[in-house]
Amino acid sequence: MVDVSPFLWFDDDAEQALEFYARVFANSEIVNVTRMDEPTMPNGGFVIGTIRIENLTFTIMNGGPTFALSEAFSLFVSCQDHAEVDFYWSSLGEGGEAGRCGWLKDQFGLSWQIIPRLLSELLGDPDPEKSGRVRDAMMAMGKIDCNKLQAAYDA
């Protein structure tokens, strides 16, 4: 069986990101950390770390400034309800940058989508008027607001 998982390149703060994600997500585990004891390695020699969040395992590396994270890759957080949206939006967004339509960049530059399951349900309605109102409401939001989505659907 082949394992496929994300591998993320950070400049020099991968270990801080690894520890941050482990604090934010209750169901997470730092699987391993690789260090190199060389004077050229920043931040205590941290090179690569692997973390498991829920059912996703990914590896992050201190690779230097050659490449930068971008919105071309994001992690999608499917939230049960508005309380989860609030929690992950504020936790992951702390020190980061809010985007539109449930997207944000965390303080390390990694993009996240903080999306309530309700959004998919309402967008998937076979009535194009209802789903269109939900889409239009979502497009005007930064953090997704479940009450506003439901109000648009019910209008």
C-alpha atoms as a PDB file:
ATOM      1  CA  MET A   1       0.000   0.000   0.000  1.00  0.00           C
ATOM      2  CA  VAL A   2       1.298   3.451  -0.913  1.00  0.00           C
ATOM      3  CA  ASP A   3       0.959   6.382   1.487  1.00  0.00           C
ATOM      4  CA  VAL A   4       0.335   9.811   0.008  1.00  0.00           C
ATOM      5  CA  SER A   5       0.402  12.869   2.241  1.00  0.00           C
ATOM      6  CA  PRO A   6       1.166  16.592   2.048  1.00  0.00           C
ATOM      7  CA  PHE A   7       4.752  17.782   2.499  1.00  0.00           C
ATOM      8  CA  LEU A   8       5.011  21.483   3.317  1.00  0.00           C
ATOM      9  CA  TRP A   9       8.056  23.716   2.929  1.00  0.00           C
ATOM     10  CA  PHE A  10       8.548  26.429   5.543  1.00  0.00           C
ATOM     11  CA  ASP A  11      11.378  28.956   5.706  1.00  0.00           C
ATOM     12  CA  ASP A  12      12.676  28.493   9.267  1.00  0.00           C
ATOM     13  CA  ASP A  13       9.633  28.234  11.541  1.00  0.00           C
ATOM     14  CA  ALA A  14       8.400  24.709  10.802  1.00  0.00           C
ATOM     15  CA  GLU A  15       8.871  23.523  14.381  1.00  0.00           C
ATOM     16  CA  GLN A  16       6.822  26.432  15.743  1.00  0.00           C
ATOM     17  CA  ALA A  17       4.115  25.626  13.191  1.00  0.00           C
ATOM     18  CA  LEU A  18       4.161  21.940  14.146  1.00  0.00           C
ATOM     19  CA  GLU A  19       3.710  22.788  17.834  1.00  0.00           C
ATOM     20  CA  PHE A  20       1.016  25.376  17.039  1.00  0.00           C
ATOM     21  CA  TYR A  21      -1.065  22.916  14.994  1.00  0.00           C
ATOM     22  CA  ALA A  22      -0.737  20.299  17.743  1.00  0.00           C
ATOM     23  CA  ARG A  23      -2.152  22.829  20.233  1.00  0.00           C
ATOM     24  CA  VAL A  24      -5.033  23.936  18.001  1.00  0.00           C
ATOM     25  CA  PHE A  25      -6.284  20.471  17.062  1.00  0.00           C
ATOM     26  CA  ALA A  26      -7.276  18.318  20.043  1.00  0.00           C
ATOM     27  CA  ASN A  27      -7.059  15.132  18.010  1.00  0.00           C
ATOM     28  CA  SER A  28      -3.466  15.576  16.866  1.00  0.00           C
ATOM     29  CA  GLU A  29      -0.088  14.016  17.488  1.00  0.00           C
ATOM     30  CA  ILE A  30       3.447  15.025  16.632  1.00  0.00           C
ATOM     31  CA  VAL A  31       4.654  11.764  15.122  1.00  0.00           C
ATOM     32  CA  ASN A  32       8.347  12.539  14.805  1.00  0.00           C
ATOM     33  CA  VAL A  33      10.945  15.267  14.605  1.00  0.00           C
ATOM     34  CA  THR A  34      14.288  15.090  12.810  1.00  0.00           C
ATOM     35  CA  ARG A  35      17.115  17.369  13.842  1.00  0.00           C
ATOM     36  CA  MET A  36      20.603  17.933  12.463  1.00  0.00           C
ATOM     37  CA  ASP A  37      23.254  19.154  14.850  1.00  0.00           C
ATOM     38  CA  GLU A  38      24.975  21.574  12.520  1.00  0.00           C
ATOM     39  CA  PRO A  39      25.798  25.237  13.081  1.00  0.00           C
ATOM     40  CA  THR A  40      24.087  26.146   9.802  1.00  0.00           C
ATOM     41  CA  MET A  41      20.701  24.796  10.967  1.00  0.00           C
ATOM     42  CA  PRO A  42      18.420  27.457  12.519  1.00  0.00           C
ATOM     43  CA  ASN A  43      16.134  26.947  15.494  1.00  0.00           C
ATOM     44  CA  GLY A  44      17.854  24.099  17.315  1.00  0.00           C
ATOM     45  CA  GLY A  45      18.602  22.054  14.228  1.00  0.00           C
ATOM     46  CA  PHE A  46      14.963  21.200  13.422  1.00  0.00           C
ATOM     47  CA  VAL A  47      14.774  19.924   9.851  1.00  0.00           C
ATOM     48  CA  ILE A  48      11.601  17.867   9.385  1.00  0.00           C
ATOM     49  CA  GLY A  49       8.591  17.018  11.510  1.00  0.00           C
ATOM     50  CA  THR A  50       5.525  14.894  10.947  1.00  0.00           C
ATOM     51  CA  ILE A  51       2.147  15.567  12.512  1.00  0.00           C
ATOM     52  CA  ARG A  52      -1.146  13.719  12.378  1.00  0.00           C
ATOM     53  CA  ILE A  53      -4.279  15.863  12.656  1.00  0.00           C
ATOM     54  CA  GLU A  54      -7.449  13.816  12.763  1.00  0.00           C
ATOM     55  CA  ASN A  55      -6.929  11.369   9.882  1.00  0.00           C
ATOM     56  CA  LEU A  56      -4.380  13.425   7.930  1.00  0.00           C
ATOM     57  CA  THR A  57      -0.646  12.989   8.342  1.00  0.00           C
ATOM     58  CA  PHE A  58       1.645  15.593   6.878  1.00  0.00           C
ATOM     59  CA  THR A  59       5.284  16.516   7.039  1.00  0.00           C
ATOM     60  CA  ILE A  60       6.732  19.989   7.360  1.00  0.00           C
ATOM     61  CA  MET A  61      10.300  21.064   6.747  1.00  0.00           C
ATOM     62  CA  ASN A  62      12.559  24.031   7.352  1.00  0.00           C
ATOM     63  CA  GLY A  63      13.726  24.482   3.789  1.00  0.00           C
ATOM     64  CA  GLY A  64      14.809  28.104   3.754  1.00  0.00           C
ATOM     65  CA  PRO A  65      13.418  31.023   1.748  1.00  0.00           C
ATOM     66  CA  THR A  66      13.582  29.393  -1.698  1.00  0.00           C
ATOM     67  CA  PHE A  67       9.855  28.537  -1.812  1.00  0.00           C
ATOM     68  CA  ALA A  68       6.857  30.083  -0.088  1.00  0.00           C
ATOM     69  CA  LEU A  69       3.491  28.666   0.882  1.00  0.00           C
ATOM     70  CA  SER A  70       0.584  30.030  -1.165  1.00  0.00           C
ATOM     71  CA  GLU A  71      -3.174  29.790  -1.505  1.00  0.00           C
ATOM     72  CA  ALA A  72      -2.616  27.275  -4.285  1.00  0.00           C
ATOM     73  CA  PHE A  73      -2.575  24.716  -1.459  1.00  0.00           C
ATOM     74  CA  SER A  74      -4.897  24.860   1.545  1.00  0.00           C
ATOM     75  CA  LEU A  75      -6.111  22.576   4.294  1.00  0.00           C
ATOM     76  CA  PHE A  76      -9.891  22.203   4.520  1.00  0.00           C
ATOM     77  CA  VAL A  77     -11.446  22.054   7.997  1.00  0.00           C
ATOM     78  CA  SER A  78     -14.987  20.664   7.818  1.00  0.00           C
ATOM     79  CA  CYS A  79     -16.790  22.032  10.876  1.00  0.00           C
ATOM     80  CA  GLN A  80     -19.846  20.507  12.538  1.00  0.00           C
ATOM     81  CA  ASP A  81     -21.377  23.842  13.513  1.00  0.00           C
ATOM     82  CA  HIS A  82     -20.844  27.544  13.963  1.00  0.00           C
ATOM     83  CA  ALA A  83     -19.052  27.050  17.292  1.00  0.00           C
ATOM     84  CA  GLU A  84     -16.370  24.993  15.533  1.00  0.00           C
ATOM     85  CA  VAL A  85     -16.111  27.602  12.782  1.00  0.00           C
ATOM     86  CA  ASP A  86     -15.565  30.285  15.445  1.00  0.00           C
ATOM     87  CA  PHE A  87     -12.949  28.194  17.257  1.00  0.00           C
ATOM     88  CA  TYR A  88     -10.850  27.250  14.239  1.00  0.00           C
ATOM     89  CA  TRP A  89     -11.209  30.673  12.608  1.00  0.00           C
ATOM     90  CA  SER A  90      -9.952  32.483  15.691  1.00  0.00           C
ATOM     91  CA  SER A  91      -7.307  29.873  16.607  1.00  0.00           C
ATOM     92  CA  LEU A  92      -5.757  29.398  13.178  1.00  0.00           C
ATOM     93  CA  GLY A  93      -6.238  33.035  12.229  1.00  0.00           C
ATOM     94  CA  GLU A  94      -4.402  34.390  15.276  1.00  0.00           C
ATOM     95  CA  GLY A  95      -1.507  36.419  13.909  1.00  0.00           C
ATOM     96  CA  GLY A  96      -2.529  35.503  10.365  1.00  0.00           C
ATOM     97  CA  GLU A  97      -4.651  37.057   7.670  1.00  0.00           C
ATOM     98  CA  ALA A  98      -8.387  36.652   7.088  1.00  0.00           C
ATOM     99  CA  GLY A  99      -9.504  35.951   3.566  1.00  0.00           C
ATOM    100  CA  ARG A 100     -12.842  35.589   1.813  1.00  0.00           C
ATOM    101  CA  CYS A 101     -15.319  32.737   1.696  1.00  0.00           C
ATOM    102  CA  GLY A 102     -13.942  30.936   4.749  1.00  0.00           C
ATOM    103  CA  TRP A 103     -10.263  31.123   3.743  1.00  0.00           C
ATOM    104  CA  LEU A 104      -7.489  32.399   5.971  1.00  0.00           C
ATOM    105  CA  LYS A 105      -3.719  32.294   6.204  1.00  0.00           C
ATOM    106  CA  ASP A 106      -2.254  31.361   9.548  1.00  0.00           C
ATOM    107  CA  GLN A 107       0.724  33.160  11.089  1.00  0.00           C
ATOM    108  CA  PHE A 108       3.073  30.845   9.171  1.00  0.00           C
ATOM    109  CA  GLY A 109       1.499  31.520   5.763  1.00  0.00           C
ATOM    110  CA  LEU A 110      -0.373  28.216   5.424  1.00  0.00           C
ATOM    111  CA  SER A 111      -3.851  28.616   3.912  1.00  0.00           C
ATOM    112  CA  TRP A 112      -6.881  27.036   5.572  1.00  0.00           C
ATOM    113  CA  GLN A 113     -10.523  26.781   4.614  1.00  0.00           C
ATOM    114  CA  ILE A 114     -12.778  26.856   7.688  1.00  0.00           C
ATOM    115  CA  ILE A 115     -16.086  25.615   6.321  1.00  0.00           C
ATOM    116  CA  PRO A 116     -19.263  24.445   8.099  1.00  0.00           C
ATOM    117  CA  ARG A 117     -20.866  21.287   6.737  1.00  0.00           C
ATOM    118  CA  LEU A 118     -24.063  23.315   6.446  1.00  0.00           C
ATOM    119  CA  LEU A 119     -22.568  25.207   3.508  1.00  0.00           C
ATOM    120  CA  SER A 120     -22.252  22.079   1.365  1.00  0.00           C
ATOM    121  CA  GLU A 121     -25.742  20.964   2.302  1.00  0.00           C
ATOM    122  CA  LEU A 122     -27.302  24.303   1.359  1.00  0.00           C
ATOM    123  CA  LEU A 123     -25.238  24.752  -1.815  1.00  0.00           C
ATOM    124  CA  GLY A 124     -26.248  21.250  -2.869  1.00  0.00           C
ATOM    125  CA  ASP A 125     -29.971  22.000  -2.766  1.00  0.00           C
ATOM    126  CA  PRO A 126     -31.584  21.152  -6.120  1.00  0.00           C
ATOM    127  CA  ASP A 127     -33.469  24.483  -6.094  1.00  0.00           C
ATOM    128  CA  PRO A 128     -31.137  26.856  -7.983  1.00  0.00           C
ATOM    129  CA  GLU A 129     -32.692  29.941  -6.386  1.00  0.00           C
ATOM    130  CA  LYS A 130     -32.016  28.713  -2.852  1.00  0.00           C
ATOM    131  CA  SER A 131     -28.512  27.481  -3.586  1.00  0.00           C
ATOM    132  CA  GLY A 132     -27.782  30.677  -5.525  1.00  0.00           C
ATOM    133  CA  ARG A 133     -28.770  32.845  -2.570  1.00  0.00           C
ATOM    134  CA  VAL A 134     -26.488  30.784  -0.334  1.00  0.00           C
ATOM    135  CA  ARG A 135     -23.607  31.113  -2.809  1.00  0.00           C
ATOM    136  CA  ASP A 136     -24.098  34.878  -3.014  1.00  0.00           C
ATOM    137  CA  ALA A 137     -24.204  35.177   0.775  1.00  0.00           C
ATOM    138  CA  MET A 138     -21.022  33.116   1.112  1.00  0.00           C
ATOM    139  CA  MET A 139     -19.200  35.234  -1.481  1.00  0.00           C
ATOM    140  CA  ALA A 140     -19.773  38.327   0.700  1.00  0.00           C
ATOM    141  CA  MET A 141     -18.317  36.720   3.834  1.00  0.00           C
ATOM    142  CA  GLY A 142     -14.882  36.403   5.331  1.00  0.00           C
ATOM    143  CA  LYS A 143     -15.553  33.955   8.146  1.00  0.00           C
ATOM    144  CA  ILE A 144     -18.547  31.825   7.206  1.00  0.00           C
ATOM    145  CA  ASP A 145     -21.629  32.658   9.274  1.00  0.00           C
ATOM    146  CA  CYS A 146     -24.060  29.727   9.529  1.00  0.00           C
ATOM    147  CA  ASN A 147     -26.986  31.937  10.563  1.00  0.00           C
ATOM    148  CA  LYS A 148     -26.554  34.177   7.520  1.00  0.00           C
ATOM    149  CA  LEU A 149     -26.272  31.151   5.235  1.00  0.00           C
ATOM    150  CA  GLN A 150     -29.472  29.699   6.640  1.00  0.00           C
ATOM    151  CA  ALA A 151     -31.245  33.084   6.368  1.00  0.00           C
ATOM    152  CA  ALA A 152     -30.229  33.363   2.704  1.00  0.00           C
ATOM    153  CA  TYR A 153     -31.473  29.831   2.080  1.00  0.00           C
ATOM    154  CA  ASP A 154     -34.797  30.485   3.805  1.00  0.00           C
ATOM    155  CA  ALA A 155     -35.425  33.914   2.180  1.00  0.00           C
END
